[in-house]
Amino acid sequence: MGAAHEVLGMDSVPLPTVRGRRLRLTLPTSADRADFLALARRSRKLHRGLVTPPTTPARFDLWLANVRTPTCIALLLRRRSDGSLLGSLELSQIARGRFQSAYLGYWIGASFARQGYMTEGLELALRYAFAQLHLHRLEANLQPQNVASRALVKRLGFRREGYSPRYLKLGGRWRDHERWAILAEDWRATHRLRGRPALVTRRPRGNA
């Protein structure tokens, strides 16, 4: 692909500094294990064939180690009113240099689906990726039958870039995916999040 990509150093990863009307983003820690596992286990039916979040303590600890690497950052969605964990997002394969790009993955707990939480959560994640991390491009890969997720990314300004047969193995099967992406300049033009009342910028104080 030409020039090598430089990866993001952990000492330069900022804490999320924006909150939505209902949600805030936090970086995961071992203290989130119980909430995370309970939500993932309750959501197995919804997630079947789509995503595979960890559902055991050992797998959570491995996941936590992986999302603390220079190339992957996980963000938890917590409700501001009561601190409930609603879901998770990941920015993975973060590359710097001439690429400035990452892959975006996400899931919502079954009891919080179809209530607009993931729309708000992804708006916050996009602002984090483009305004704080200064990335240029995010790519999300979706299964064609996942109509709700396709509508979600399209609503947020993603564009369909292509189709990848048998792209990922999920639930024991190789599954086709559509590739959707958004660029920083398109995000700024489409969403105009800066100054939008749905978002509150704050100074980071720990992970609260």
Protein backbone atom coordinates (compact mmCIF):
# COMPACT_ATOMS: atom_id res chain seq x y z
CA MET A 1 0.00 0.00 0.00
CA GLY A 2 3.05 2.24 -0.10
CA ALA A 3 4.17 4.19 2.95
CA ALA A 4 3.85 2.47 6.29
CA HIS A 5 1.10 3.70 8.61
CA GLU A 6 2.01 5.13 12.00
CA VAL A 7 -0.18 3.90 14.84
CA LEU A 8 -1.65 5.95 17.64
CA GLY A 9 0.35 5.98 20.87
CA MET A 10 -1.55 5.28 24.07
CA ASP A 11 -0.13 8.35 25.80
CA SER A 12 -1.94 10.50 23.22
CA VAL A 13 -5.39 8.89 23.61
CA PRO A 14 -7.70 11.54 25.12
CA LEU A 15 -10.64 10.78 27.34
CA PRO A 16 -14.01 11.53 25.72
CA THR A 17 -14.97 15.13 26.49
CA VAL A 18 -18.49 15.29 25.06
CA ARG A 19 -21.79 14.12 26.46
CA GLY A 20 -25.16 13.78 24.80
CA ARG A 21 -28.56 14.61 26.18
CA ARG A 22 -28.91 11.10 27.56
CA LEU A 23 -25.50 9.45 27.19
CA ARG A 24 -21.82 9.80 27.99
CA LEU A 25 -18.85 7.89 26.67
CA THR A 26 -16.36 6.23 29.01
CA LEU A 27 -13.22 4.18 28.50
CA PRO A 28 -13.69 0.63 29.84
CA THR A 29 -11.91 -0.65 32.96
CA SER A 30 -12.00 -3.87 34.96
CA ALA A 31 -14.66 -2.24 37.15
CA ASP A 32 -17.06 -2.49 34.18
CA ARG A 33 -16.77 -6.29 33.95
CA ALA A 34 -19.95 -7.24 35.81
CA ASP A 35 -22.18 -4.71 34.01
CA PHE A 36 -20.68 -5.56 30.62
CA LEU A 37 -21.09 -9.32 30.98
CA ALA A 38 -24.63 -9.07 32.32
CA LEU A 39 -25.70 -6.88 29.38
CA ALA A 40 -23.97 -9.05 26.78
CA ARG A 41 -25.53 -12.23 28.19
CA ARG A 42 -29.02 -10.73 28.24
CA SER A 43 -28.57 -9.66 24.61
CA ARG A 44 -27.42 -12.97 23.08
CA LYS A 45 -30.60 -13.44 21.05
CA LEU A 46 -30.40 -9.95 19.53
CA HIS A 47 -26.68 -10.31 18.77
CA ARG A 48 -26.78 -13.81 17.28
CA GLY A 49 -25.01 -13.88 13.92
CA LEU A 50 -24.21 -10.15 14.10
CA VAL A 51 -21.71 -9.45 16.88
CA THR A 52 -19.92 -11.50 19.51
CA PRO A 53 -19.11 -9.42 22.60
CA PRO A 54 -17.43 -11.32 25.44
CA THR A 55 -19.80 -13.15 27.79
CA THR A 56 -17.29 -14.71 30.24
CA PRO A 57 -14.84 -13.07 32.66
CA ALA A 58 -11.84 -14.55 30.86
CA ARG A 59 -12.98 -13.28 27.49
CA PHE A 60 -13.79 -9.87 28.93
CA ASP A 61 -10.29 -9.56 30.37
CA LEU A 62 -8.78 -10.53 27.02
CA TRP A 63 -11.03 -8.04 25.23
CA LEU A 64 -10.08 -5.32 27.72
CA ALA A 65 -6.39 -5.92 27.09
CA ASN A 66 -6.95 -5.79 23.34
CA VAL A 67 -8.86 -2.49 23.43
CA ARG A 68 -6.06 -0.84 25.35
CA THR A 69 -3.57 -1.29 22.53
CA PRO A 70 -2.28 1.56 20.37
CA THR A 71 -4.52 0.48 17.49
CA CYS A 72 -7.85 -0.06 19.24
CA ILE A 73 -10.00 2.07 21.56
CA ALA A 74 -13.26 0.89 23.10
CA LEU A 75 -15.93 3.28 24.32
CA LEU A 76 -18.80 2.35 26.62
CA LEU A 77 -22.21 3.98 26.39
CA ARG A 78 -23.57 4.91 29.81
CA ARG A 79 -26.83 6.66 30.54
CA ARG A 80 -26.29 9.96 32.30
CA SER A 81 -29.39 9.73 34.49
CA ASP A 82 -28.48 6.51 36.30
CA GLY A 83 -25.10 5.30 34.97
CA SER A 84 -26.58 2.20 33.30
CA LEU A 85 -24.41 0.51 30.69
CA LEU A 86 -26.25 0.45 27.36
CA GLY A 87 -23.70 -0.80 24.84
CA SER A 88 -20.20 -0.52 23.44
CA LEU A 89 -18.32 0.91 20.47
CA GLU A 90 -14.85 0.20 19.13
CA LEU A 91 -12.44 2.15 16.98
CA SER A 92 -10.06 -0.53 15.71
CA GLN A 93 -7.07 -0.77 13.37
CA ILE A 94 -6.35 2.91 14.02
CA ALA A 95 -3.69 4.09 11.61
CA ARG A 96 -1.97 7.44 11.39
CA GLY A 97 0.48 8.80 8.83
CA ARG A 98 -1.14 9.33 5.44
CA PHE A 99 -4.14 7.12 6.25
CA GLN A 100 -5.69 8.60 9.44
CA SER A 101 -8.39 5.96 9.51
CA ALA A 102 -10.11 3.38 11.72
CA TYR A 103 -12.84 0.75 11.64
CA LEU A 104 -15.99 1.34 13.67
CA GLY A 105 -17.88 -1.43 15.43
CA TYR A 106 -20.78 -1.17 17.86
CA TRP A 107 -23.53 -3.02 19.70
CA ILE A 108 -26.47 -2.09 21.90
CA GLY A 109 -28.03 -4.11 24.71
CA ALA A 110 -31.34 -5.78 23.86
CA SER A 111 -33.34 -3.84 26.44
CA PHE A 112 -32.08 -0.52 25.03
CA ALA A 113 -32.51 -1.22 21.31
CA ARG A 114 -34.75 0.90 19.07
CA GLN A 115 -34.86 3.80 21.51
CA GLY A 116 -32.43 6.13 19.74
CA TYR A 117 -29.56 5.42 22.10
CA MET A 118 -27.18 4.10 19.46
CA THR A 119 -27.90 7.06 17.20
CA GLU A 120 -26.81 9.39 19.98
CA GLY A 121 -23.91 7.12 20.92
CA LEU A 122 -22.56 7.04 17.37
CA GLU A 123 -22.91 10.82 17.10
CA LEU A 124 -20.70 11.09 20.18
CA ALA A 125 -18.26 8.51 18.82
CA LEU A 126 -17.96 10.35 15.51
CA ARG A 127 -17.23 13.59 17.31
CA TYR A 128 -14.63 11.79 19.44
CA ALA A 129 -12.99 10.22 16.39
CA PHE A 130 -12.92 13.33 14.22
CA ALA A 131 -12.67 16.23 16.68
CA GLN A 132 -10.51 14.65 19.42
CA LEU A 133 -8.53 11.93 17.66
CA HIS A 134 -8.39 13.95 14.42
CA LEU A 135 -9.01 10.92 12.22
CA HIS A 136 -10.00 11.45 8.60
CA ARG A 137 -12.03 8.32 7.82
CA LEU A 138 -14.16 5.73 9.62
CA GLU A 139 -15.40 2.50 8.04
CA ALA A 140 -18.26 0.33 9.30
CA ASN A 141 -18.94 -3.12 7.86
CA LEU A 142 -22.57 -4.27 8.02
CA GLN A 143 -24.39 -7.43 7.02
CA PRO A 144 -26.89 -6.75 4.21
CA GLN A 145 -29.85 -8.08 6.21
CA ASN A 146 -29.13 -5.72 9.10
CA VAL A 147 -31.61 -3.13 7.89
CA ALA A 148 -31.68 -1.13 11.13
CA SER A 149 -27.91 -0.72 11.23
CA ARG A 150 -27.77 0.27 7.56
CA ALA A 151 -30.42 2.93 8.15
CA LEU A 152 -28.50 4.16 11.19
CA VAL A 153 -25.17 4.74 9.46
CA LYS A 154 -26.87 6.22 6.39
CA ARG A 155 -28.72 8.66 8.62
CA LEU A 156 -25.42 9.72 10.19
CA GLY A 157 -23.83 10.48 6.84
CA PHE A 158 -21.99 7.25 5.95
CA ARG A 159 -21.78 6.28 2.29
CA ARG A 160 -21.85 2.75 0.89
CA GLU A 161 -18.49 2.05 -0.72
CA GLY A 162 -18.73 -1.60 -1.65
CA TYR A 163 -19.71 -5.19 -0.99
CA SER A 164 -17.44 -7.92 0.43
CA PRO A 165 -18.63 -11.53 0.03
CA ARG A 166 -17.84 -13.86 2.95
CA TYR A 167 -16.00 -11.04 4.71
CA LEU A 168 -16.20 -12.07 8.38
CA LYS A 169 -16.80 -15.34 10.20
CA LEU A 170 -19.54 -14.86 12.78
CA GLY A 171 -21.49 -17.59 14.54
CA GLY A 172 -19.51 -20.23 12.68
CA ARG A 173 -20.38 -18.88 9.21
CA TRP A 174 -18.60 -16.64 6.73
CA ARG A 175 -20.93 -13.71 6.19
CA ASP A 176 -21.21 -11.09 3.45
CA HIS A 177 -20.83 -7.45 4.45
CA GLU A 178 -21.40 -4.02 2.99
CA ARG A 179 -18.68 -1.41 3.49
CA TRP A 180 -19.89 2.00 4.67
CA ALA A 181 -17.58 4.93 5.41
CA ILE A 182 -17.62 8.58 6.43
CA LEU A 183 -14.94 11.24 6.04
CA ALA A 184 -14.21 14.02 8.52
CA GLU A 185 -15.21 16.78 6.10
CA ASP A 186 -18.50 15.02 5.30
CA TRP A 187 -19.19 14.61 9.02
CA ARG A 188 -18.64 18.31 9.62
CA ALA A 189 -20.84 19.30 6.69
CA THR A 190 -23.65 16.86 7.47
CA HIS A 191 -23.95 16.94 11.22
CA ARG A 192 -22.56 20.31 12.28
CA LEU A 193 -22.06 18.91 15.76
CA ARG A 194 -19.96 21.75 17.07
CA GLY A 195 -22.20 23.95 19.13
CA ARG A 196 -25.13 21.58 18.74
CA PRO A 197 -27.22 21.59 21.97
CA ALA A 198 -27.38 17.77 21.98
CA LEU A 199 -23.70 17.73 22.95
CA VAL A 200 -21.93 19.16 25.97
CA THR A 201 -18.16 19.60 25.86
CA ARG A 202 -16.36 19.22 29.17
CA ARG A 203 -12.87 18.91 30.49
CA PRO A 204 -11.84 15.32 31.23
CA ARG A 205 -11.78 14.43 34.91
CA GLY A 206 -10.85 10.79 35.17
CA ASN A 207 -13.40 8.56 33.46
CA ALA A 208 -16.57 9.97 34.99
